[in-house]
Structure formats: structure tokens, C-alpha cells
């Protein structure tokens, strides 16, 4: 699985966050578990 550039990953166990600065193949692992892709925060509406 390719890790996309500019995405942020978070560890569910300890809360460590990683920002990907160089894409590549493989998986991100922390606390012996795969890290999950952090969802983007919604932007506030401008109405």
C-alpha cells in the first residue's frame, strides 16, 4: 500500500501523530499496531 504525501496518520493507542513528508510503499506502525489516516477537520461555514 502506498503512503500518500501530505497525509497525517495517528496512533489509536498513544495518540502520536505523523505527517508524511515523503511518499512510499509500506505501512506506518506505532505501539505494534498500524496507524490510521486522520480525517480532515471540517472548515467552518462562511454564512
N, C-alpha and C. Protein backbone atom coordinates (compact mmCIF):
# COMPACT_ATOMS: atom_id res chain seq x y z
N UNK A 1 0.85 -1.18 0.00
CA UNK A 1 0.00 0.00 0.00
C UNK A 1 0.89 1.24 0.00
N UNK A 2 0.59 2.16 -0.87
CA UNK A 2 1.37 3.39 -0.95
C UNK A 2 0.90 4.39 0.11
N UNK A 3 1.86 5.03 0.74
CA UNK A 3 1.55 6.06 1.74
C UNK A 3 1.60 7.41 1.02
N UNK A 4 0.46 8.12 0.94
CA UNK A 4 0.42 9.36 0.18
C UNK A 4 1.09 10.54 0.89
N UNK A 5 1.73 11.37 0.12
CA UNK A 5 2.42 12.56 0.60
C UNK A 5 1.42 13.56 1.18
N UNK A 6 1.75 14.16 2.31
CA UNK A 6 0.94 15.22 2.90
C UNK A 6 -0.18 14.76 3.80
N UNK A 7 -0.35 13.47 3.96
CA UNK A 7 -1.41 12.96 4.83
C UNK A 7 -0.90 12.82 6.25
N UNK A 8 -1.81 12.88 7.20
CA UNK A 8 -1.47 12.79 8.61
C UNK A 8 -2.06 11.49 9.16
N UNK A 9 -1.24 10.73 9.88
CA UNK A 9 -1.65 9.47 10.48
C UNK A 9 -1.56 9.60 11.99
N UNK A 10 -2.44 8.84 12.70
CA UNK A 10 -2.48 8.91 14.16
C UNK A 10 -2.50 7.49 14.73
N UNK A 11 -1.84 7.32 15.87
CA UNK A 11 -1.82 6.05 16.59
C UNK A 11 -3.02 6.01 17.53
N UNK A 12 -3.84 4.97 17.41
CA UNK A 12 -5.02 4.85 18.27
C UNK A 12 -4.65 4.56 19.71
N UNK A 13 -3.50 3.95 19.95
CA UNK A 13 -3.10 3.56 21.30
C UNK A 13 -2.53 4.74 22.10
N UNK A 14 -1.58 5.50 21.52
CA UNK A 14 -0.90 6.54 22.29
C UNK A 14 -1.17 7.96 21.80
N UNK A 15 -1.79 8.10 20.63
CA UNK A 15 -2.13 9.43 20.13
C UNK A 15 -1.03 10.12 19.33
N UNK A 16 0.08 9.43 19.06
CA UNK A 16 1.17 10.02 18.27
C UNK A 16 0.67 10.33 16.86
N UNK A 17 1.01 11.51 16.35
CA UNK A 17 0.63 11.91 15.00
C UNK A 17 1.86 12.00 14.13
N UNK A 18 1.72 11.58 12.86
CA UNK A 18 2.81 11.60 11.89
C UNK A 18 2.32 12.30 10.63
N UNK A 19 3.11 13.26 10.14
CA UNK A 19 2.82 13.91 8.87
C UNK A 19 3.77 13.33 7.83
N UNK A 20 3.24 12.79 6.74
CA UNK A 20 4.05 12.14 5.72
C UNK A 20 4.72 13.20 4.86
N UNK A 21 6.05 13.21 4.85
CA UNK A 21 6.81 14.18 4.06
C UNK A 21 7.47 13.55 2.84
N UNK A 22 7.43 12.21 2.76
CA UNK A 22 7.97 11.50 1.61
C UNK A 22 7.11 10.26 1.40
N UNK A 23 6.46 10.17 0.24
CA UNK A 23 5.58 9.02 -0.01
C UNK A 23 6.40 7.78 -0.29
N UNK A 24 5.76 6.63 -0.16
CA UNK A 24 6.45 5.37 -0.42
C UNK A 24 5.54 4.20 -0.15
N UNK A 25 6.09 3.01 -0.31
CA UNK A 25 5.35 1.77 -0.08
C UNK A 25 5.52 1.33 1.37
N UNK A 26 4.51 0.64 1.89
CA UNK A 26 4.61 0.10 3.24
C UNK A 26 3.47 0.57 4.12
N UNK A 27 3.64 0.38 5.42
CA UNK A 27 2.63 0.80 6.39
C UNK A 27 3.33 1.53 7.53
N UNK A 28 2.60 2.39 8.20
CA UNK A 28 3.12 3.09 9.37
C UNK A 28 2.66 2.33 10.61
N UNK A 29 3.59 2.03 11.51
CA UNK A 29 3.29 1.23 12.69
C UNK A 29 3.76 1.97 13.94
N UNK A 30 2.92 1.97 14.98
CA UNK A 30 3.26 2.55 16.27
C UNK A 30 2.58 1.67 17.32
N UNK A 31 3.25 1.41 18.42
CA UNK A 31 2.72 0.57 19.50
C UNK A 31 2.30 -0.80 18.97
N UNK A 32 3.05 -1.34 18.01
CA UNK A 32 2.80 -2.65 17.40
C UNK A 32 1.46 -2.74 16.68
N UNK A 33 0.88 -1.60 16.28
CA UNK A 33 -0.39 -1.57 15.54
C UNK A 33 -0.25 -0.60 14.38
N UNK A 34 -0.98 -0.87 13.29
CA UNK A 34 -0.97 0.03 12.14
C UNK A 34 -1.60 1.37 12.52
N UNK A 35 -1.00 2.45 12.04
CA UNK A 35 -1.55 3.78 12.29
C UNK A 35 -2.70 4.03 11.31
N UNK A 36 -3.66 4.85 11.72
CA UNK A 36 -4.83 5.13 10.88
C UNK A 36 -4.74 6.54 10.32
N UNK A 37 -5.31 6.71 9.14
CA UNK A 37 -5.34 8.01 8.48
C UNK A 37 -6.27 8.94 9.26
N UNK A 38 -5.76 10.13 9.60
CA UNK A 38 -6.57 11.09 10.34
C UNK A 38 -7.44 11.85 9.36
N UNK A 39 -8.71 11.94 9.66
CA UNK A 39 -9.67 12.63 8.80
C UNK A 39 -9.46 14.14 8.90
N UNK A 40 -9.75 14.83 7.82
CA UNK A 40 -9.63 16.28 7.78
C UNK A 40 -10.73 16.91 8.64
N UNK A 41 -10.39 17.98 9.31
CA UNK A 41 -11.39 18.68 10.12
C UNK A 41 -12.25 19.51 9.18
N UNK A 42 -13.57 19.56 9.41
CA UNK A 42 -14.43 20.35 8.54
C UNK A 42 -14.16 21.85 8.72
N UNK A 43 -14.19 22.56 7.63
CA UNK A 43 -13.99 24.01 7.68
C UNK A 43 -15.27 24.68 8.16
N UNK A 44 -15.16 25.77 8.90
CA UNK A 44 -16.38 26.47 9.34
C UNK A 44 -17.08 27.11 8.14
N UNK A 45 -18.39 27.12 8.22
CA UNK A 45 -19.15 27.73 7.12
C UNK A 45 -18.99 29.25 7.14
N UNK A 46 -19.13 29.86 6.01
CA UNK A 46 -18.90 31.30 5.92
C UNK A 46 -20.21 32.08 5.73
N UNK A 47 -21.33 31.52 6.21
CA UNK A 47 -22.58 32.26 6.05
C UNK A 47 -22.83 33.22 7.13
